[in-house]
Amino acid sequence: MTHVHYTLSMPDPNSHLFHVRMEVKGAPGGATDFVMPAWTPGSYKVRDYAKNVQDFSAGKQRWRKVDKSRWRVEAGGDVSVEYDVWAFELSVQSSHLDAEHGFVNGASVFCYVDGHKDAPVTVDLAPPKGWKVATGLARKGASYVAPDYDVLVDSPIEMGTFERHTFRVRGVPHHFVIHGAGNYRKKELLEDVRKIVETEVKIVGHIPYRDYTFILHNTTERGGGGLEHLNSTALQYLPTGYRPREKYDNFLELVAHEFWHLWNVKRIHPDMLGPFDYQKEVYTSLLWVMEGITSYYDTLVPCRAKLFTPEKYFKRMAERAQKYEEKPGRRRQSLSESSFDTWIKLYQPNENSTNCQMSYYEKGELVGLCLDLEIRERSSGRKSLDDVMRLLYAEWGREGKGFPEAEFRRACERVMRGSLERFFADYVDGTVDVPWGRFLGPAGLKVEKEPAKPEEGEKARKEKPWLGVSTQRNAGTLSVASVIEDSPAWKAGLSAKDELVAFDGAKVNADDWDKRFEEREPGERAVLTIFRNGFLREVPVVLGRKENATWVFCRLKHPTARQKRIYEGWLWTKWDAPKKK
């Protein structure tokens, strides 16, 4: 039986190089291929991790590189290789090493033996003196072990002088590991994370791990994000991102999102999402379920955990619905198409993406909301999306089995005991406008548009000027990032990469553009002075009109008993519960 042993060392952390030694026992045949993954599960972009490999060697055995990420050693039986990995990208999808810590995303560091990803694995770690280790890998003596390569790369490793805090939920330990300082309140953060864990465990009803590890990097590099794993998650967040409260709420959603993934994605998933082919793209039309519905729960769970008031929850969802409605790409790309094309679209946007694409995170969250409320309404509040997730977990996820693509819809229909053909045709496979009031109404909610409040001394305006561009700043200059199709800017001939220099002859810069633009009225004519390809041009434009209002999801004044029942079952709170001040 083949066995693979890794030794990971970092003799000089300042070099940003991990040193890997692989020892393979019992490799059959006369040649052994060592392969570095091209992507990491949970992040659907080809990253070609082999680009960071250097100084590959196989001792006295002959070897050659046969493609971009494959090294062939002309030997079988017992085979050993060594190589270094450049690790200087601090993100949840990659690895990072410096004098302060080492973080390992397994897919970016560990090669596998082709044809033997199912071989058992042991790992020895050799961090610098004084460094601690945090990982979801099981410990066996001085080594770490995994039943196969998939589990190895699904277990990120943090090494350094981090903080570690532990709390228990249903008797199971949950470790929270923090690298880097931040403006968080430690006691509040740990208590809030515990409430999120308790709430999500209550929804699903089962803990599928012996322990769980949160790895948090507080860093200004590459913004925030997270990546899910079997019994751990890697999180990245801005050190100053925990205050004020609105920023902290975003962190709570990040935690709720990645923790929910331990069921939805890591265990509940279509069959093409595991076991993995690490060398090429894998396709599914259900990433809107894996990510979008997880995004739906990442805002709902803090509300159920009493970390958000219902009013705050409604505000956040209304903002997202309004933002979605303002994107022309929603009329071109369906959820299923967005899921399937993630490899070439979502993670690789261009200047026209807003006109032809829709994120399965963004729309998937909103369709998840509608689907949940549709099931609740048609079952008179007896069933919900929670029941769908529990059904999929019981029948597929708990045994680690992937389900066929059509199974998600079938599970929804089984729970609801009715057809969802029209729902899926319109909102999943189609681009039909979402009738928000129809879905929100059964829970006692309605959509209103709240006029924007004017500045002191200014008159209220029902409409505001609209150009139809997004802008970006670069070293004090302001340029066009994208132009919305059929907008005033589009019709005037403005283009992405145009540098905005003047507005009606008066100089503008990155700091005063918004103020200067908002001083104008809809329908007015203006001349924009731009630099395009190094040449100065003037572009006449007629300013368009945009409703000057904010969407609000608000409760009905006189709900029925049925609406109250659906509302309370959905948010886990009484309709008449007093509002928090």
Protein backbone atom coordinates (compact mmCIF):
# COMPACT_ATOMS: atom_id res chain seq x y z
CA MET A 1 0.00 0.00 0.00
CA THR A 2 1.28 3.44 -0.93
CA HIS A 3 2.00 5.90 1.89
CA VAL A 4 3.14 9.52 1.64
CA HIS A 5 5.14 11.38 4.28
CA TYR A 6 5.78 15.14 4.14
CA THR A 7 8.31 17.12 6.13
CA LEU A 8 7.66 20.86 6.02
CA SER A 9 10.45 23.09 7.26
CA MET A 10 11.27 26.78 7.08
CA PRO A 11 14.98 27.17 7.86
CA ASP A 12 14.93 30.88 6.95
CA PRO A 13 11.47 32.44 7.30
CA ASN A 14 12.77 35.76 5.95
CA SER A 15 13.37 34.03 2.60
CA HIS A 16 9.61 33.37 2.30
CA LEU A 17 10.45 29.82 1.20
CA PHE A 18 8.87 26.66 2.58
CA HIS A 19 11.01 23.56 2.13
CA VAL A 20 9.09 20.36 1.41
CA ARG A 21 10.44 16.82 1.50
CA MET A 22 8.13 14.08 0.19
CA GLU A 23 8.85 10.44 0.90
CA VAL A 24 6.66 7.94 -0.94
CA LYS A 25 6.57 4.33 0.15
CA GLY A 26 5.29 1.58 -2.12
CA ALA A 27 4.70 3.53 -5.35
CA PRO A 28 3.90 0.94 -8.03
CA GLY A 29 5.37 1.01 -11.55
CA GLY A 30 8.63 2.28 -12.97
CA ALA A 31 7.85 6.01 -12.78
CA THR A 32 6.21 8.30 -10.23
CA ASP A 33 4.53 11.61 -11.08
CA PHE A 34 4.47 14.43 -8.52
CA VAL A 35 1.76 17.00 -9.24
CA MET A 36 1.07 20.48 -7.86
CA PRO A 37 -2.61 21.56 -7.92
CA ALA A 38 -3.70 24.31 -10.29
CA TRP A 39 -6.49 25.53 -7.97
CA THR A 40 -7.77 25.17 -4.44
CA PRO A 41 -11.25 23.89 -3.53
CA GLY A 42 -13.62 26.68 -2.56
CA SER A 43 -11.98 29.27 -4.82
CA TYR A 44 -12.89 28.64 -8.42
CA LYS A 45 -9.96 30.14 -10.29
CA VAL A 46 -6.95 28.45 -11.88
CA ARG A 47 -3.98 29.83 -9.94
CA ASP A 48 -1.20 27.52 -11.21
CA TYR A 49 0.54 27.07 -7.87
CA ALA A 50 3.44 25.33 -9.64
CA LYS A 51 4.72 28.78 -10.59
CA ASN A 52 5.96 29.14 -7.00
CA VAL A 53 7.94 25.86 -6.97
CA GLN A 54 11.72 26.02 -7.27
CA ASP A 55 14.79 23.83 -6.75
CA PHE A 56 12.98 20.54 -7.34
CA SER A 57 15.24 17.52 -6.88
CA ALA A 58 14.95 13.75 -6.58
CA GLY A 59 18.36 12.88 -5.18
CA LYS A 60 20.20 10.47 -7.47
CA GLN A 61 17.03 9.44 -9.27
CA ARG A 62 16.41 10.74 -12.78
CA TRP A 63 13.50 13.13 -13.24
CA ARG A 64 12.06 15.57 -15.74
CA LYS A 65 9.23 18.07 -15.85
CA VAL A 66 6.53 16.92 -18.26
CA ASP A 67 4.02 19.78 -18.02
CA LYS A 68 3.47 23.03 -16.11
CA SER A 69 2.76 21.33 -12.79
CA ARG A 70 4.02 17.73 -13.11
CA TRP A 71 7.43 16.28 -12.29
CA ARG A 72 8.16 12.67 -13.33
CA VAL A 73 10.71 10.65 -11.39
CA GLU A 74 11.96 7.61 -13.28
CA ALA A 75 11.55 5.26 -10.32
CA GLY A 76 8.90 3.36 -8.39
CA GLY A 77 8.77 1.73 -4.97
CA ASP A 78 10.29 4.12 -2.45
CA VAL A 79 10.77 7.57 -3.94
CA SER A 80 11.85 10.85 -2.34
CA VAL A 81 11.77 14.39 -3.70
CA GLU A 82 12.45 17.84 -2.31
CA TYR A 83 11.46 21.32 -3.43
CA ASP A 84 10.97 24.87 -2.18
CA VAL A 85 7.79 26.93 -2.43
CA TRP A 86 7.80 30.73 -2.63
CA ALA A 87 5.15 31.81 -0.10
CA PHE A 88 4.63 35.55 -0.06
CA GLU A 89 0.93 36.06 -0.75
CA LEU A 90 -1.09 36.52 2.41
CA SER A 91 -4.53 35.38 1.30
CA VAL A 92 -6.81 32.52 2.24
CA GLN A 93 -6.20 30.87 -1.16
CA SER A 94 -2.39 30.92 -0.95
CA SER A 95 0.48 30.55 1.53
CA HIS A 96 2.63 33.04 3.38
CA LEU A 97 5.86 32.88 5.34
CA ASP A 98 7.83 35.61 7.08
CA ALA A 99 9.63 36.17 10.36
CA GLU A 100 6.33 36.46 12.24
CA HIS A 101 4.36 33.44 11.06
CA GLY A 102 3.78 30.78 8.47
CA PHE A 103 0.42 30.01 6.87
CA VAL A 104 -0.11 27.01 4.63
CA ASN A 105 -2.97 26.49 2.22
CA GLY A 106 -2.20 22.86 1.41
CA ALA A 107 -3.06 22.97 -2.29
CA SER A 108 -0.42 25.66 -2.83
CA VAL A 109 2.40 23.82 -1.01
CA PHE A 110 1.92 20.03 -1.11
CA CYS A 111 2.31 18.03 -4.31
CA TYR A 112 0.39 14.77 -4.62
CA VAL A 113 1.37 11.47 -6.17
CA ASP A 114 -0.64 11.01 -9.34
CA GLY A 115 -3.02 8.09 -9.04
CA HIS A 116 -2.56 7.92 -5.27
CA LYS A 117 -4.45 10.86 -3.77
CA ASP A 118 -6.23 8.24 -1.66
CA ALA A 119 -2.99 7.15 0.04
CA PRO A 120 -2.71 7.86 3.79
CA VAL A 121 -0.57 10.86 4.73
CA THR A 122 1.66 11.87 7.62
CA VAL A 123 3.17 15.33 8.07
CA ASP A 124 6.05 16.50 10.23
CA LEU A 125 6.30 20.24 10.83
CA ALA A 126 9.57 21.97 11.73
CA PRO A 127 8.72 25.59 12.57
CA PRO A 128 11.21 27.98 14.16
CA LYS A 129 11.77 27.71 17.89
CA GLY A 130 8.97 29.27 19.92
CA TRP A 131 6.33 28.99 17.22
CA LYS A 132 3.03 27.22 17.92
CA VAL A 133 0.93 25.21 15.45
CA ALA A 134 -2.81 25.41 14.77
CA THR A 135 -4.51 23.12 12.25
CA GLY A 136 -7.51 20.88 11.75
CA LEU A 137 -5.23 17.92 11.04
CA ALA A 138 -5.32 15.07 13.57
CA ARG A 139 -2.27 14.60 15.76
CA LYS A 140 -0.50 11.25 16.11
CA GLY A 141 2.54 11.44 18.34
CA ALA A 142 4.83 14.17 17.03
CA SER A 143 3.26 14.01 13.54
CA TYR A 144 0.00 15.06 11.92
CA VAL A 145 -2.02 12.58 9.91
CA ALA A 146 -4.70 12.57 7.22
CA PRO A 147 -6.52 9.64 5.60
CA ASP A 148 -5.81 11.00 2.11
CA TYR A 149 -4.57 13.99 0.14
CA ASP A 150 -8.01 15.65 -0.02
CA VAL A 151 -8.14 15.92 3.77
CA LEU A 152 -4.54 17.14 3.90
CA VAL A 153 -5.17 20.11 1.60
CA ASP A 154 -8.49 20.74 3.34
CA SER A 155 -6.64 21.46 6.58
CA PRO A 156 -4.82 24.81 6.56
CA ILE A 157 -1.90 25.22 8.95
CA GLU A 158 -1.01 28.33 10.95
CA MET A 159 2.38 28.56 12.68
CA GLY A 160 3.68 31.41 14.79
CA THR A 161 3.19 33.22 18.08
CA PHE A 162 -0.55 33.65 17.63
CA GLU A 163 -3.27 34.04 20.24
CA ARG A 164 -5.45 30.98 20.79
CA HIS A 165 -8.82 31.03 22.55
CA THR A 166 -11.16 28.07 23.04
CA PHE A 167 -14.88 27.80 23.72
CA ARG A 168 -17.19 24.78 23.67
CA VAL A 169 -20.50 24.20 21.96
CA ARG A 170 -22.35 21.00 22.91
CA GLY A 171 -19.12 19.90 24.57
CA VAL A 172 -17.07 20.19 21.37
CA PRO A 173 -14.00 22.48 21.48
CA HIS A 174 -13.77 25.39 19.03
CA HIS A 175 -10.41 27.13 18.77
CA PHE A 176 -10.09 30.74 17.64
CA VAL A 177 -6.57 31.57 16.49
CA ILE A 178 -5.61 35.20 15.83
CA HIS A 179 -2.52 36.42 13.98
CA GLY A 180 -1.97 40.17 14.02
CA ALA A 181 -3.43 42.96 16.12
CA GLY A 182 -6.86 44.49 15.52
CA ASN A 183 -9.28 46.98 17.04
CA TYR A 184 -11.67 44.24 18.17
CA ARG A 185 -13.01 43.77 21.68
CA LYS A 186 -11.77 40.28 22.44
CA LYS A 187 -14.45 39.19 24.89
CA GLU A 188 -17.26 40.46 22.67
CA LEU A 189 -15.78 38.88 19.54
CA LEU A 190 -15.38 35.43 21.08
CA GLU A 191 -18.85 35.51 22.62
CA ASP A 192 -20.42 36.58 19.32
CA VAL A 193 -18.60 33.86 17.38
CA ARG A 194 -19.82 31.32 19.93
CA LYS A 195 -23.42 32.51 19.41
CA ILE A 196 -23.04 32.10 15.64
CA VAL A 197 -21.75 28.56 16.08
CA GLU A 198 -24.56 27.67 18.47
CA THR A 199 -27.21 29.06 16.13
CA GLU A 200 -25.94 27.26 13.05
CA VAL A 201 -25.55 23.98 14.93
CA LYS A 202 -29.14 24.40 16.13
CA ILE A 203 -30.37 24.82 12.54
CA VAL A 204 -28.64 21.71 11.19
CA GLY A 205 -28.80 19.67 14.40
CA HIS A 206 -25.48 17.84 14.10
CA ILE A 207 -21.78 18.57 14.68
CA PRO A 208 -19.67 16.51 12.25
CA TYR A 209 -16.20 17.14 13.71
CA ARG A 210 -14.17 16.41 16.85
CA ASP A 211 -13.01 20.04 17.06
CA TYR A 212 -13.05 23.17 14.90
CA THR A 213 -10.39 25.82 14.27
CA PHE A 214 -10.90 29.41 13.13
CA ILE A 215 -7.68 30.95 11.77
CA LEU A 216 -7.91 34.75 11.57
CA HIS A 217 -5.31 36.97 9.92
CA ASN A 218 -5.59 40.67 10.72
CA THR A 219 -3.82 42.31 7.80
CA THR A 220 -4.07 45.19 5.36
CA GLU A 221 -2.96 42.93 2.52
CA ARG A 222 -5.60 42.03 -0.10
CA GLY A 223 -8.60 43.10 1.98
CA GLY A 224 -10.85 40.53 3.66
CA GLY A 225 -12.22 37.12 2.83
CA GLY A 226 -12.48 33.54 3.92
CA LEU A 227 -12.08 29.97 2.72
CA GLU A 228 -13.98 27.00 4.09
CA HIS A 229 -12.51 23.66 5.15
CA LEU A 230 -13.78 20.40 6.67
CA ASN A 231 -13.19 21.29 10.33
CA SER A 232 -11.60 24.72 10.08
CA THR A 233 -11.66 27.98 8.18
CA ALA A 234 -9.14 30.64 7.20
CA LEU A 235 -10.35 34.22 7.64
CA GLN A 236 -8.72 37.48 6.65
CA TYR A 237 -9.84 40.90 7.86
CA LEU A 238 -8.62 44.48 8.13
CA PRO A 239 -7.06 45.26 11.54
CA THR A 240 -9.20 48.41 11.80
CA GLY A 241 -12.33 46.68 10.48
CA TYR A 242 -14.01 45.88 13.80
CA ARG A 243 -15.21 49.40 14.56
CA PRO A 244 -17.58 51.13 14.12
CA ARG A 245 -20.37 48.61 14.59
CA GLU A 246 -21.32 48.46 10.90
CA LYS A 247 -17.83 47.20 10.02
CA TYR A 248 -17.99 44.68 12.84
CA ASP A 249 -21.31 43.40 11.47
CA ASN A 250 -19.49 42.60 8.23
CA PHE A 251 -17.02 40.51 10.21
CA LEU A 252 -19.85 38.60 11.89
CA GLU A 253 -21.29 37.83 8.45
CA LEU A 254 -17.88 36.57 7.30
CA VAL A 255 -17.66 34.19 10.27
CA ALA A 256 -21.26 33.00 9.78
CA HIS A 257 -20.63 32.47 6.06
CA GLU A 258 -17.49 30.35 6.41
CA PHE A 259 -18.84 28.32 9.32
CA TRP A 260 -22.05 27.51 7.41
CA HIS A 261 -19.85 26.11 4.66
CA LEU A 262 -18.79 23.23 6.90
CA TRP A 263 -22.17 21.75 6.00
CA ASN A 264 -23.06 23.50 2.75
CA VAL A 265 -20.14 22.80 0.36
CA LYS A 266 -17.86 20.67 2.51
CA ARG A 267 -20.55 18.03 3.05
CA ILE A 268 -23.65 19.10 1.13
CA HIS A 269 -22.49 19.49 -2.46
CA PRO A 270 -23.08 18.33 -6.04
CA ASP A 271 -21.03 15.30 -7.00
CA MET A 272 -18.56 17.23 -9.17
CA LEU A 273 -17.29 19.13 -6.12
CA GLY A 274 -15.41 16.19 -4.64
CA PRO A 275 -13.36 14.14 -4.94
CA PHE A 276 -11.49 16.81 -6.87
CA ASP A 277 -9.55 17.02 -10.07
CA TYR A 278 -6.91 19.54 -9.02
CA GLN A 279 -5.52 19.99 -12.51
CA LYS A 280 -8.49 21.47 -14.33
CA GLU A 281 -11.77 23.28 -13.88
CA VAL A 282 -14.78 21.41 -12.50
CA TYR A 283 -18.19 22.63 -13.59
CA THR A 284 -21.49 22.92 -11.76
CA SER A 285 -24.57 25.09 -12.17
CA LEU A 286 -25.14 25.02 -8.40
CA LEU A 287 -22.53 27.43 -7.04
CA TRP A 288 -25.47 29.76 -6.39
CA VAL A 289 -26.63 27.17 -3.83
CA MET A 290 -23.16 26.56 -2.40
CA GLU A 291 -22.25 30.24 -2.11
CA GLY A 292 -25.42 32.28 -2.63
CA ILE A 293 -27.54 30.37 -0.13
CA THR A 294 -24.60 30.39 2.28
CA SER A 295 -24.59 34.18 1.86
CA TYR A 296 -28.31 34.18 2.67
CA TYR A 297 -27.65 32.38 5.93
CA ASP A 298 -24.63 34.51 6.83
CA THR A 299 -26.95 37.49 7.38
CA LEU A 300 -29.94 35.55 8.71
CA VAL A 301 -27.91 33.69 11.36
CA PRO A 302 -26.70 36.81 13.22
CA CYS A 303 -30.33 37.95 13.29
CA ARG A 304 -31.47 34.63 14.73
CA ALA A 305 -28.55 34.77 17.19
CA LYS A 306 -29.80 38.20 18.36
CA LEU A 307 -26.61 39.89 17.11
CA PHE A 308 -28.68 41.82 14.54
CA THR A 309 -32.12 43.24 15.18
CA PRO A 310 -34.76 42.34 12.58
CA GLU A 311 -34.65 45.99 11.49
CA LYS A 312 -30.91 45.79 10.85
CA TYR A 313 -31.40 42.55 8.95
CA PHE A 314 -34.12 44.13 6.78
CA LYS A 315 -31.92 47.15 6.12
CA ARG A 316 -28.99 45.05 4.94
CA MET A 317 -31.17 42.89 2.69
CA ALA A 318 -33.00 45.91 1.22
CA GLU A 319 -29.66 47.56 0.38
CA ARG A 320 -28.55 44.42 -1.45
CA ALA A 321 -31.82 44.10 -3.34
CA GLN A 322 -31.57 47.72 -4.49
CA LYS A 323 -27.94 47.28 -5.51
CA TYR A 324 -28.87 44.14 -7.47
CA GLU A 325 -31.68 45.94 -9.28
CA GLU A 326 -29.26 48.65 -10.45
CA LYS A 327 -27.00 46.19 -12.32
CA PRO A 328 -27.82 45.63 -16.00
CA GLY A 329 -26.00 42.28 -15.96
CA ARG A 330 -28.96 40.78 -14.08
CA ARG A 331 -30.92 40.79 -17.35
CA ARG A 332 -28.23 38.87 -19.24
CA GLN A 333 -26.80 36.17 -17.02
CA SER A 334 -28.84 33.69 -14.99
CA LEU A 335 -27.80 32.15 -11.69
CA SER A 336 -27.09 28.77 -13.25
CA GLU A 337 -25.02 30.41 -16.01
CA SER A 338 -23.12 32.52 -13.49
CA SER A 339 -22.32 29.36 -11.50
CA PHE A 340 -21.11 27.43 -14.53
CA ASP A 341 -18.96 30.26 -15.91
CA THR A 342 -17.27 31.20 -12.63
CA TRP A 343 -13.88 30.04 -13.92
CA ILE A 344 -13.82 32.69 -16.64
CA LYS A 345 -16.16 35.36 -15.28
CA LEU A 346 -16.55 36.01 -11.55
CA TYR A 347 -12.88 35.92 -10.54
CA GLN A 348 -11.69 37.59 -13.74
CA PRO A 349 -13.96 40.59 -14.32
CA ASN A 350 -13.36 43.17 -17.02
CA GLU A 351 -14.59 46.70 -17.65
CA ASN A 352 -17.86 45.42 -19.16
CA SER A 353 -18.70 42.88 -16.46
CA THR A 354 -21.39 45.05 -14.87
CA ASN A 355 -23.31 44.94 -18.17
CA CYS A 356 -23.16 41.20 -18.83
CA GLN A 357 -22.57 39.37 -15.54
CA MET A 358 -24.30 38.70 -12.23
CA SER A 359 -22.57 37.31 -9.16
CA TYR A 360 -24.02 34.04 -7.88
CA TYR A 361 -23.13 35.28 -4.40
CA GLU A 362 -25.15 38.46 -4.78
CA LYS A 363 -28.19 37.17 -6.63
CA GLY A 364 -27.96 33.77 -4.97
CA GLU A 365 -28.40 35.35 -1.54
CA LEU A 366 -31.53 37.17 -2.69
CA VAL A 367 -32.99 34.15 -4.47
CA GLY A 368 -32.22 32.13 -1.33
CA LEU A 369 -34.35 34.61 0.63
CA CYS A 370 -37.18 34.29 -1.90
CA LEU A 371 -36.95 30.50 -1.98
CA ASP A 372 -37.09 30.26 1.81
CA LEU A 373 -40.13 32.52 1.99
CA GLU A 374 -41.80 30.70 -0.91
CA ILE A 375 -41.46 27.35 0.88
CA ARG A 376 -42.72 28.87 4.13
CA GLU A 377 -45.72 30.49 2.41
CA ARG A 378 -46.75 27.41 0.44
CA SER A 379 -46.41 25.15 3.48
CA SER A 380 -48.24 27.62 5.76
CA GLY A 381 -45.05 28.09 7.75
CA ARG A 382 -44.56 24.40 8.50
CA LYS A 383 -41.50 23.94 6.28
CA SER A 384 -38.55 26.07 5.20
CA LEU A 385 -35.16 26.16 3.53
CA ASP A 386 -33.77 24.93 6.87
CA ASP A 387 -35.62 21.65 6.25
CA VAL A 388 -34.11 21.41 2.77
CA MET A 389 -30.60 21.76 4.14
CA ARG A 390 -31.26 19.19 6.86
CA LEU A 391 -32.68 16.76 4.28
CA LEU A 392 -29.67 17.12 1.97
CA TYR A 393 -27.32 16.70 4.91
CA ALA A 394 -29.08 13.60 6.21
CA GLU A 395 -29.32 11.86 2.84
CA TRP A 396 -26.04 12.93 1.24
CA GLY A 397 -23.76 15.17 3.26
CA ARG A 398 -23.49 13.15 6.44
CA GLU A 399 -22.13 10.21 4.44
CA GLY A 400 -19.84 12.42 2.39
CA LYS A 401 -21.68 11.73 -0.88
CA GLY A 402 -22.15 14.29 -3.63
CA PHE A 403 -25.64 14.54 -5.13
CA PRO A 404 -26.77 14.89 -8.78
CA GLU A 405 -27.32 18.43 -10.09
CA ALA A 406 -31.11 18.08 -10.14
CA GLU A 407 -31.28 16.90 -6.53
CA PHE A 408 -31.35 20.35 -4.94
CA ARG A 409 -34.59 21.32 -6.65
CA ARG A 410 -36.07 17.88 -5.95
CA ALA A 411 -35.22 18.27 -2.26
CA CYS A 412 -36.97 21.65 -2.15
CA GLU A 413 -40.06 20.18 -3.80
CA ARG A 414 -40.07 17.16 -1.49
CA VAL A 415 -39.96 19.41 1.56
CA MET A 416 -42.63 21.74 0.24
CA ARG A 417 -44.70 18.95 -1.37
CA GLY A 418 -45.26 20.88 -4.56
CA SER A 419 -43.66 21.97 -7.82
CA LEU A 420 -41.08 24.75 -8.06
CA GLU A 421 -40.72 24.51 -11.82
CA ARG A 422 -41.75 28.12 -12.46
CA PHE A 423 -39.61 29.49 -9.63
CA PHE A 424 -36.46 27.80 -10.93
CA ALA A 425 -37.24 28.62 -14.57
CA ASP A 426 -37.68 32.32 -13.77
CA TYR A 427 -35.14 33.10 -11.07
CA VAL A 428 -32.46 30.39 -11.34
CA ASP A 429 -32.29 29.45 -15.02
CA GLY A 430 -33.86 32.70 -16.24
CA THR A 431 -33.49 36.42 -15.74
CA VAL A 432 -37.06 37.37 -14.85
CA ASP A 433 -37.40 40.40 -12.55
CA VAL A 434 -37.92 39.43 -8.91
CA PRO A 435 -41.35 40.52 -7.55
CA TRP A 436 -40.05 41.43 -4.10
CA GLY A 437 -43.44 42.23 -2.61
CA ARG A 438 -44.87 38.83 -3.56
CA PHE A 439 -42.14 36.98 -1.67
CA LEU A 440 -41.92 39.32 1.32
CA GLY A 441 -45.67 39.75 1.78
CA PRO A 442 -46.39 36.33 3.35
CA ALA A 443 -43.90 37.19 6.13
CA GLY A 444 -45.70 40.47 6.84
CA LEU A 445 -43.22 42.71 5.00
CA LYS A 446 -43.46 45.20 2.16
CA VAL A 447 -41.02 47.21 0.05
CA GLU A 448 -41.04 50.99 0.35
CA LYS A 449 -38.84 53.69 -1.12
CA GLU A 450 -37.65 56.21 1.41
CA PRO A 451 -36.77 59.64 -0.05
CA ALA A 452 -33.19 60.73 0.61
CA LYS A 453 -32.89 63.39 3.28
CA PRO A 454 -31.44 66.66 1.95
CA GLU A 455 -28.44 68.38 3.46
CA GLU A 456 -29.23 71.22 5.85
CA GLY A 457 -30.46 74.23 3.90
CA GLU A 458 -31.02 72.18 0.73
CA LYS A 459 -34.34 71.28 -0.88
CA ALA A 460 -35.44 67.66 -1.11
CA ARG A 461 -35.02 66.18 -4.57
CA LYS A 462 -37.10 63.30 -5.93
CA GLU A 463 -34.48 62.70 -8.60
CA LYS A 464 -30.74 63.15 -8.75
CA PRO A 465 -28.39 63.44 -11.73
CA TRP A 466 -27.09 60.23 -13.19
CA LEU A 467 -24.16 59.63 -15.49
CA GLY A 468 -23.85 55.84 -15.40
CA VAL A 469 -20.16 55.37 -14.60
CA SER A 470 -18.16 53.90 -11.77
CA THR A 471 -14.83 55.54 -11.05
CA GLN A 472 -11.50 54.54 -9.61
CA ARG A 473 -8.70 56.53 -7.99
CA ASN A 474 -5.04 56.11 -8.81
CA ALA A 475 -2.34 58.32 -7.31
CA GLY A 476 -4.68 61.29 -7.00
CA THR A 477 -6.19 60.96 -10.47
CA LEU A 478 -9.74 59.89 -11.21
CA SER A 479 -10.63 57.64 -14.13
CA VAL A 480 -13.65 55.74 -15.40
CA ALA A 481 -13.72 52.12 -14.26
CA SER A 482 -16.86 51.01 -16.13
CA VAL A 483 -19.75 52.47 -18.10
CA ILE A 484 -23.31 51.18 -17.77
CA GLU A 485 -24.90 50.18 -21.04
CA ASP A 486 -27.36 52.77 -22.49
CA SER A 487 -26.55 55.26 -19.73
CA PRO A 488 -25.90 58.95 -20.49
CA ALA A 489 -22.15 58.26 -20.31
CA TRP A 490 -22.50 55.31 -22.72
CA LYS A 491 -24.47 57.41 -25.22
CA ALA A 492 -21.97 60.25 -24.95
CA GLY A 493 -19.08 57.92 -25.76
CA LEU A 494 -17.28 57.82 -22.42
CA SER A 495 -15.13 54.74 -21.96
CA ALA A 496 -13.42 52.81 -19.23
CA LYS A 497 -9.88 54.11 -18.60
CA ASP A 498 -10.82 57.69 -19.54
CA GLU A 499 -9.15 60.02 -17.03
CA LEU A 500 -11.59 62.67 -15.77
CA VAL A 501 -9.90 66.07 -15.77
CA ALA A 502 -12.56 68.81 -15.78
CA PHE A 503 -16.30 69.34 -15.47
CA ASP A 504 -17.58 72.26 -17.58
CA GLY A 505 -14.08 73.67 -17.74
CA ALA A 506 -13.39 73.50 -14.01
CA LYS A 507 -10.74 71.08 -12.82
CA VAL A 508 -11.94 68.02 -10.90
CA ASN A 509 -10.01 65.45 -8.92
CA ALA A 510 -10.66 62.27 -7.01
CA ASP A 511 -11.72 64.14 -3.87
CA ASP A 512 -14.32 66.53 -5.27
CA TRP A 513 -15.86 64.65 -8.23
CA ASP A 514 -18.93 63.40 -6.36
CA LYS A 515 -19.67 66.80 -4.84
CA ARG A 516 -19.28 68.62 -8.14
CA PHE A 517 -21.45 66.13 -9.96
CA GLU A 518 -24.24 66.13 -7.36
CA GLU A 519 -24.52 69.90 -7.54
CA ARG A 520 -26.05 69.56 -10.99
CA GLU A 521 -29.65 68.79 -11.96
CA PRO A 522 -31.05 65.92 -14.06
CA GLY A 523 -31.39 66.88 -17.72
CA GLU A 524 -28.65 69.51 -17.67
CA ARG A 525 -25.97 69.56 -20.32
CA ALA A 526 -22.32 69.42 -19.37
CA VAL A 527 -18.91 69.01 -20.97
CA LEU A 528 -16.46 66.53 -19.51
CA THR A 529 -12.77 67.01 -20.26
CA ILE A 530 -10.84 63.76 -20.31
CA PHE A 531 -7.48 62.28 -21.17
CA ARG A 532 -7.79 59.23 -23.42
CA ASN A 533 -4.64 57.40 -24.49
CA GLY A 534 -2.67 60.50 -23.54
CA PHE A 535 -4.71 62.95 -25.62
CA LEU A 536 -7.06 65.63 -24.27
CA ARG A 537 -10.69 65.45 -25.39
CA GLU A 538 -14.01 67.10 -24.59
CA VAL A 539 -17.14 64.97 -24.29
CA PRO A 540 -20.59 66.68 -24.24
CA VAL A 541 -23.11 64.80 -22.12
CA VAL A 542 -26.75 65.20 -21.03
CA LEU A 543 -27.14 64.18 -17.40
CA GLY A 544 -29.71 61.48 -16.80
CA ARG A 545 -32.20 60.96 -13.98
CA LYS A 546 -32.13 58.55 -11.09
CA GLU A 547 -34.64 58.15 -8.31
CA ASN A 548 -33.28 59.73 -5.14
CA ALA A 549 -34.56 57.12 -2.71
CA THR A 550 -33.45 54.18 -0.60
CA TRP A 551 -35.22 50.82 -0.56
CA VAL A 552 -36.69 49.76 2.77
CA PHE A 553 -38.11 46.38 3.81
CA CYS A 554 -40.63 47.21 6.52
CA ARG A 555 -43.33 45.42 8.47
CA LEU A 556 -47.02 45.76 7.78
CA LYS A 557 -49.04 47.64 10.39
CA HIS A 558 -51.82 45.06 10.52
CA PRO A 559 -50.43 41.58 9.78
CA THR A 560 -52.56 38.45 9.75
CA ALA A 561 -51.97 35.60 12.18
CA ARG A 562 -50.48 33.59 9.30
CA GLN A 563 -48.02 36.37 8.44
CA LYS A 564 -46.95 36.63 12.07
CA ARG A 565 -46.42 32.87 12.25
CA ILE A 566 -44.23 32.83 9.13
CA TYR A 567 -42.26 35.87 10.33
CA GLU A 568 -41.59 34.33 13.74
CA GLY A 569 -40.56 30.96 12.34
CA TRP A 570 -38.24 32.66 9.88
CA LEU A 571 -36.41 35.08 12.20
CA TRP A 572 -36.77 33.18 15.49
CA THR A 573 -38.29 36.22 17.19
CA LYS A 574 -41.75 37.35 18.21
CA TRP A 575 -43.55 39.81 15.96
CA ASP A 576 -44.29 42.02 18.95
CA ALA A 577 -40.82 41.75 20.51
CA PRO A 578 -39.65 45.17 21.76
CA LYS A 579 -37.12 46.93 19.56
CA LYS A 580 -33.61 47.40 20.90
CA LYS A 581 -32.60 51.00 21.34
